[in-house]
Amino acid sequence: MSTPAQQATSAVQAQLGSGALAGNWTLDPSRSTVGLRSKSMWGLAPVKGSFRQVSGRGTVSAAGEVSGRIEISAASVDTGNAKRDKHLRSVDFFLSDKYPVITFDLDRLSVTGDGVTAAGTLTVRERSQRLTFPATASVAGDGEVVLDATVEVNRTDFGLTWNQLGMASTQNTITIHAVFTRS
């Protein structure tokens, strides 16, 4: 008996293989989210937030090869605390005035037993890091493709090294819920 994730993966694999998903896809920003989770106060207090402005596009070839890009407005970070959000936009973190966009460029999506594996490059403040991570993918009957992933990153890999008194964790969790529709 297969799990719902395995069933969704089988459907994605079949549609990629048949060419049914071939074409251009656009991220629906009204139904897509990019979240950020970290810990501060020496790991005792979780900090959660999201980026309010996200866009993207993708292409599926007739052979089932997938590529795409997600763009996130660094200045759109929202943790529910205006003072913290201003600090996150500053030189200590995203420096959003100089580096307004965070990007993830997907160059490969491979179907696995329970989902998909995404591979690409995350760029923050003009520093790029190759990432490979598991995700789930599903195809809705109304022409939508949904990708969900949780990605662990170390912010120091991107030059985000501020850490007053060692209070803030450098390990961050990014959650992605991306809904794509045909262009």
C-alpha atoms as a PDB file:
ATOM      1  CA  MET A   1       0.000   0.000   0.000  1.00  0.00           C
ATOM      2  CA  SER A   2       1.499   3.321  -1.037  1.00  0.00           C
ATOM      3  CA  THR A   3       1.417   6.551   0.952  1.00  0.00           C
ATOM      4  CA  PRO A   4      -0.208   9.732  -0.372  1.00  0.00           C
ATOM      5  CA  ALA A   5       3.281  11.172  -0.975  1.00  0.00           C
ATOM      6  CA  GLN A   6       4.246   8.116  -3.032  1.00  0.00           C
ATOM      7  CA  GLN A   7       1.007   8.346  -5.023  1.00  0.00           C
ATOM      8  CA  ALA A   8       1.621  12.039  -5.738  1.00  0.00           C
ATOM      9  CA  THR A   9       5.206  11.249  -6.743  1.00  0.00           C
ATOM     10  CA  SER A  10       4.032   8.525  -9.114  1.00  0.00           C
ATOM     11  CA  ALA A  11       1.588  10.947 -10.721  1.00  0.00           C
ATOM     12  CA  VAL A  12       4.296  13.606 -11.138  1.00  0.00           C
ATOM     13  CA  GLN A  13       6.704  11.026 -12.564  1.00  0.00           C
ATOM     14  CA  ALA A  14       4.109   9.771 -15.053  1.00  0.00           C
ATOM     15  CA  GLN A  15       3.210  13.284 -16.209  1.00  0.00           C
ATOM     16  CA  LEU A  16       6.857  14.340 -16.518  1.00  0.00           C
ATOM     17  CA  GLY A  17       7.622  11.187 -18.512  1.00  0.00           C
ATOM     18  CA  SER A  18       4.654  11.613 -20.838  1.00  0.00           C
ATOM     19  CA  GLY A  19       5.367  15.273 -21.557  1.00  0.00           C
ATOM     20  CA  ALA A  20       2.023  16.318 -20.067  1.00  0.00           C
ATOM     21  CA  LEU A  21       3.713  18.971 -17.918  1.00  0.00           C
ATOM     22  CA  ALA A  22       5.891  20.362 -20.720  1.00  0.00           C
ATOM     23  CA  GLY A  23       5.746  24.119 -21.063  1.00  0.00           C
ATOM     24  CA  ASN A  24       6.191  27.287 -19.069  1.00  0.00           C
ATOM     25  CA  TRP A  25       4.899  27.724 -15.544  1.00  0.00           C
ATOM     26  CA  THR A  26       4.436  30.816 -13.365  1.00  0.00           C
ATOM     27  CA  LEU A  27       4.519  30.975  -9.570  1.00  0.00           C
ATOM     28  CA  ASP A  28       1.229  32.152  -8.079  1.00  0.00           C
ATOM     29  CA  PRO A  29       2.420  34.664  -5.431  1.00  0.00           C
ATOM     30  CA  SER A  30      -0.996  34.874  -3.776  1.00  0.00           C
ATOM     31  CA  ARG A  31      -0.901  31.167  -2.876  1.00  0.00           C
ATOM     32  CA  SER A  32       2.837  30.614  -2.421  1.00  0.00           C
ATOM     33  CA  THR A  33       4.829  31.204   0.761  1.00  0.00           C
ATOM     34  CA  VAL A  34       8.460  31.321   1.811  1.00  0.00           C
ATOM     35  CA  GLY A  35       8.973  31.115   5.553  1.00  0.00           C
ATOM     36  CA  LEU A  36      12.016  31.541   7.749  1.00  0.00           C
ATOM     37  CA  ARG A  37      12.642  29.989  11.157  1.00  0.00           C
ATOM     38  CA  SER A  38      15.567  30.501  13.497  1.00  0.00           C
ATOM     39  CA  LYS A  39      16.330  30.626  17.195  1.00  0.00           C
ATOM     40  CA  SER A  40      17.597  33.528  19.237  1.00  0.00           C
ATOM     41  CA  MET A  41      18.328  34.139  22.899  1.00  0.00           C
ATOM     42  CA  TRP A  42      20.816  31.245  22.946  1.00  0.00           C
ATOM     43  CA  GLY A  43      18.388  28.844  21.307  1.00  0.00           C
ATOM     44  CA  LEU A  44      15.562  29.449  23.755  1.00  0.00           C
ATOM     45  CA  ALA A  45      13.269  31.685  21.682  1.00  0.00           C
ATOM     46  CA  PRO A  46      12.104  30.655  18.220  1.00  0.00           C
ATOM     47  CA  VAL A  47      11.848  33.402  15.624  1.00  0.00           C
ATOM     48  CA  LYS A  48       9.452  32.853  12.738  1.00  0.00           C
ATOM     49  CA  GLY A  49       8.785  35.009   9.759  1.00  0.00           C
ATOM     50  CA  SER A  50       7.943  35.030   6.111  1.00  0.00           C
ATOM     51  CA  PHE A  51       8.778  36.929   2.980  1.00  0.00           C
ATOM     52  CA  ARG A  52       5.678  38.748   1.734  1.00  0.00           C
ATOM     53  CA  GLN A  53       6.826  39.207  -1.881  1.00  0.00           C
ATOM     54  CA  VAL A  54       7.783  36.178  -3.933  1.00  0.00           C
ATOM     55  CA  SER A  55       7.704  35.491  -7.668  1.00  0.00           C
ATOM     56  CA  GLY A  56       8.987  32.813  -9.969  1.00  0.00           C
ATOM     57  CA  ARG A  57       8.769  30.774 -13.104  1.00  0.00           C
ATOM     58  CA  GLY A  58       9.640  27.333 -14.328  1.00  0.00           C
ATOM     59  CA  THR A  59      10.023  25.342 -17.503  1.00  0.00           C
ATOM     60  CA  VAL A  60       9.415  21.664 -18.108  1.00  0.00           C
ATOM     61  CA  SER A  61      10.912  20.240 -21.297  1.00  0.00           C
ATOM     62  CA  ALA A  62       9.176  17.582 -23.387  1.00  0.00           C
ATOM     63  CA  ALA A  63      11.712  15.114 -21.933  1.00  0.00           C
ATOM     64  CA  GLY A  64      10.603  16.010 -18.381  1.00  0.00           C
ATOM     65  CA  GLU A  65      13.596  18.141 -17.410  1.00  0.00           C
ATOM     66  CA  VAL A  66      12.667  20.883 -14.957  1.00  0.00           C
ATOM     67  CA  SER A  67      14.344  24.255 -14.384  1.00  0.00           C
ATOM     68  CA  GLY A  68      13.182  27.477 -12.837  1.00  0.00           C
ATOM     69  CA  ARG A  69      13.741  30.427 -10.576  1.00  0.00           C
ATOM     70  CA  ILE A  70      12.153  31.746  -7.407  1.00  0.00           C
ATOM     71  CA  GLU A  71      12.801  35.383  -6.488  1.00  0.00           C
ATOM     72  CA  ILE A  72      12.206  36.723  -2.993  1.00  0.00           C
ATOM     73  CA  SER A  73      12.150  40.390  -2.039  1.00  0.00           C
ATOM     74  CA  ALA A  74      14.623  40.674   0.855  1.00  0.00           C
ATOM     75  CA  ALA A  75      12.879  43.811   2.108  1.00  0.00           C
ATOM     76  CA  SER A  76       9.580  41.925   2.401  1.00  0.00           C
ATOM     77  CA  VAL A  77      10.766  39.941   5.455  1.00  0.00           C
ATOM     78  CA  ASP A  78       8.084  40.044   8.139  1.00  0.00           C
ATOM     79  CA  THR A  79       8.557  38.544  11.606  1.00  0.00           C
ATOM     80  CA  GLY A  80       5.766  40.499  13.238  1.00  0.00           C
ATOM     81  CA  ASN A  81       8.301  42.755  15.002  1.00  0.00           C
ATOM     82  CA  ALA A  82       9.034  46.015  13.150  1.00  0.00           C
ATOM     83  CA  LYS A  83      12.327  46.654  14.980  1.00  0.00           C
ATOM     84  CA  ARG A  84      13.617  43.144  14.220  1.00  0.00           C
ATOM     85  CA  ASP A  85      12.446  43.383  10.586  1.00  0.00           C
ATOM     86  CA  LYS A  86      14.340  46.676  10.168  1.00  0.00           C
ATOM     87  CA  HIS A  87      17.452  45.000  11.598  1.00  0.00           C
ATOM     88  CA  LEU A  88      17.051  42.036   9.223  1.00  0.00           C
ATOM     89  CA  ARG A  89      16.927  44.469   6.279  1.00  0.00           C
ATOM     90  CA  SER A  90      20.112  46.234   7.486  1.00  0.00           C
ATOM     91  CA  VAL A  91      23.816  45.728   6.762  1.00  0.00           C
ATOM     92  CA  ASP A  92      23.957  43.111   9.561  1.00  0.00           C
ATOM     93  CA  PHE A  93      21.740  40.734   7.592  1.00  0.00           C
ATOM     94  CA  PHE A  94      20.102  41.063   4.148  1.00  0.00           C
ATOM     95  CA  LEU A  95      21.272  44.607   3.278  1.00  0.00           C
ATOM     96  CA  SER A  96      18.113  44.795   1.210  1.00  0.00           C
ATOM     97  CA  ASP A  97      18.807  48.293  -0.178  1.00  0.00           C
ATOM     98  CA  LYS A  98      21.895  47.005  -1.988  1.00  0.00           C
ATOM     99  CA  TYR A  99      20.785  43.373  -2.509  1.00  0.00           C
ATOM    100  CA  PRO A 100      17.013  43.548  -2.996  1.00  0.00           C
ATOM    101  CA  VAL A 101      16.461  40.009  -4.317  1.00  0.00           C
ATOM    102  CA  ILE A 102      17.207  36.566  -2.908  1.00  0.00           C
ATOM    103  CA  THR A 103      17.102  33.915  -5.638  1.00  0.00           C
ATOM    104  CA  PHE A 104      16.932  30.168  -5.944  1.00  0.00           C
ATOM    105  CA  ASP A 105      17.780  28.846  -9.410  1.00  0.00           C
ATOM    106  CA  LEU A 106      16.577  25.271  -9.875  1.00  0.00           C
ATOM    107  CA  ASP A 107      18.546  23.318 -12.436  1.00  0.00           C
ATOM    108  CA  ARG A 108      17.327  19.805 -11.704  1.00  0.00           C
ATOM    109  CA  LEU A 109      14.297  18.105 -10.187  1.00  0.00           C
ATOM    110  CA  SER A 110      14.677  14.342  -9.811  1.00  0.00           C
ATOM    111  CA  VAL A 111      11.816  12.027  -8.889  1.00  0.00           C
ATOM    112  CA  THR A 112      12.592   9.786  -5.899  1.00  0.00           C
ATOM    113  CA  GLY A 113      10.578   7.125  -4.089  1.00  0.00           C
ATOM    114  CA  ASP A 114       8.722   9.445  -1.712  1.00  0.00           C
ATOM    115  CA  GLY A 115       8.989  12.773  -3.493  1.00  0.00           C
ATOM    116  CA  VAL A 116      11.459  14.734  -5.514  1.00  0.00           C
ATOM    117  CA  THR A 117      14.962  16.024  -4.997  1.00  0.00           C
ATOM    118  CA  ALA A 118      15.590  19.627  -5.960  1.00  0.00           C
ATOM    119  CA  ALA A 119      19.074  20.830  -6.900  1.00  0.00           C
ATOM    120  CA  GLY A 120      20.065  24.392  -7.583  1.00  0.00           C
ATOM    121  CA  THR A 121      21.759  27.532  -6.338  1.00  0.00           C
ATOM    122  CA  LEU A 122      20.608  29.860  -3.559  1.00  0.00           C
ATOM    123  CA  THR A 123      22.000  33.398  -3.817  1.00  0.00           C
ATOM    124  CA  VAL A 124      21.849  35.898  -0.962  1.00  0.00           C
ATOM    125  CA  ARG A 125      23.854  39.155  -1.042  1.00  0.00           C
ATOM    126  CA  GLU A 126      25.643  37.981  -4.210  1.00  0.00           C
ATOM    127  CA  ARG A 127      26.932  34.878  -2.403  1.00  0.00           C
ATOM    128  CA  SER A 128      25.830  31.613  -3.932  1.00  0.00           C
ATOM    129  CA  GLN A 129      25.582  28.158  -2.429  1.00  0.00           C
ATOM    130  CA  ARG A 130      24.639  24.903  -4.172  1.00  0.00           C
ATOM    131  CA  LEU A 131      21.768  23.156  -2.424  1.00  0.00           C
ATOM    132  CA  THR A 132      20.182  19.749  -2.871  1.00  0.00           C
ATOM    133  CA  PHE A 133      17.134  18.956  -0.771  1.00  0.00           C
ATOM    134  CA  PRO A 134      14.089  16.686  -0.675  1.00  0.00           C
ATOM    135  CA  ALA A 135      10.683  18.077  -1.580  1.00  0.00           C
ATOM    136  CA  THR A 136       7.192  16.891  -2.277  1.00  0.00           C
ATOM    137  CA  ALA A 137       5.467  17.565  -5.566  1.00  0.00           C
ATOM    138  CA  SER A 138       1.889  17.120  -6.634  1.00  0.00           C
ATOM    139  CA  VAL A 139      -0.168  17.899  -9.688  1.00  0.00           C
ATOM    140  CA  ALA A 140      -3.686  19.187  -9.157  1.00  0.00           C
ATOM    141  CA  GLY A 141      -6.386  18.295 -11.656  1.00  0.00           C
ATOM    142  CA  ASP A 142      -6.869  21.954 -12.519  1.00  0.00           C
ATOM    143  CA  GLY A 143      -3.395  22.460 -14.020  1.00  0.00           C
ATOM    144  CA  GLU A 144      -1.370  23.324 -10.951  1.00  0.00           C
ATOM    145  CA  VAL A 145       1.921  21.954  -9.722  1.00  0.00           C
ATOM    146  CA  VAL A 146       2.658  22.320  -6.013  1.00  0.00           C
ATOM    147  CA  LEU A 147       6.126  21.969  -4.526  1.00  0.00           C
ATOM    148  CA  ASP A 148       6.764  21.907  -0.776  1.00  0.00           C
ATOM    149  CA  ALA A 149      10.164  21.779   0.887  1.00  0.00           C
ATOM    150  CA  THR A 150      11.987  22.461   4.111  1.00  0.00           C
ATOM    151  CA  VAL A 151      15.602  23.487   3.662  1.00  0.00           C
ATOM    152  CA  GLU A 152      18.282  23.934   6.334  1.00  0.00           C
ATOM    153  CA  VAL A 153      20.874  26.636   5.644  1.00  0.00           C
ATOM    154  CA  ASN A 154      23.700  28.219   7.575  1.00  0.00           C
ATOM    155  CA  ARG A 155      23.372  31.978   7.143  1.00  0.00           C
ATOM    156  CA  THR A 156      27.130  32.496   7.535  1.00  0.00           C
ATOM    157  CA  ASP A 157      27.564  30.804   4.126  1.00  0.00           C
ATOM    158  CA  PHE A 158      25.969  33.954   2.692  1.00  0.00           C
ATOM    159  CA  GLY A 159      27.928  36.519   4.709  1.00  0.00           C
ATOM    160  CA  LEU A 160      25.201  36.970   7.332  1.00  0.00           C
ATOM    161  CA  THR A 161      27.539  36.699  10.307  1.00  0.00           C
ATOM    162  CA  TRP A 162      26.114  39.192  12.805  1.00  0.00           C
ATOM    163  CA  ASN A 163      25.628  37.477  16.139  1.00  0.00           C
ATOM    164  CA  GLN A 164      25.738  39.784  19.143  1.00  0.00           C
ATOM    165  CA  LEU A 165      26.966  37.824  22.166  1.00  0.00           C
ATOM    166  CA  GLY A 166      26.279  34.565  20.342  1.00  0.00           C
ATOM    167  CA  MET A 167      22.552  35.028  20.922  1.00  0.00           C
ATOM    168  CA  ALA A 168      21.301  34.156  17.434  1.00  0.00           C
ATOM    169  CA  SER A 169      21.572  30.767  15.789  1.00  0.00           C
ATOM    170  CA  THR A 170      23.353  30.667  12.464  1.00  0.00           C
ATOM    171  CA  GLN A 171      21.237  27.665  11.432  1.00  0.00           C
ATOM    172  CA  ASN A 172      18.024  28.655   9.691  1.00  0.00           C
ATOM    173  CA  THR A 173      15.109  26.700   8.300  1.00  0.00           C
ATOM    174  CA  ILE A 174      13.463  27.881   5.096  1.00  0.00           C
ATOM    175  CA  THR A 175      10.023  26.505   4.252  1.00  0.00           C
ATOM    176  CA  ILE A 176       8.675  26.753   0.729  1.00  0.00           C
ATOM    177  CA  HIS A 177       5.157  26.235  -0.531  1.00  0.00           C
ATOM    178  CA  ALA A 178       5.228  27.029  -4.242  1.00  0.00           C
ATOM    179  CA  VAL A 179       2.123  26.856  -6.415  1.00  0.00           C
ATOM    180  CA  PHE A 180       2.784  26.999 -10.159  1.00  0.00           C
ATOM    181  CA  THR A 181       0.195  27.453 -12.909  1.00  0.00           C
ATOM    182  CA  ARG A 182       0.646  27.215 -16.673  1.00  0.00           C
ATOM    183  CA  SER A 183       1.811  30.429 -18.284  1.00  0.00           C
END
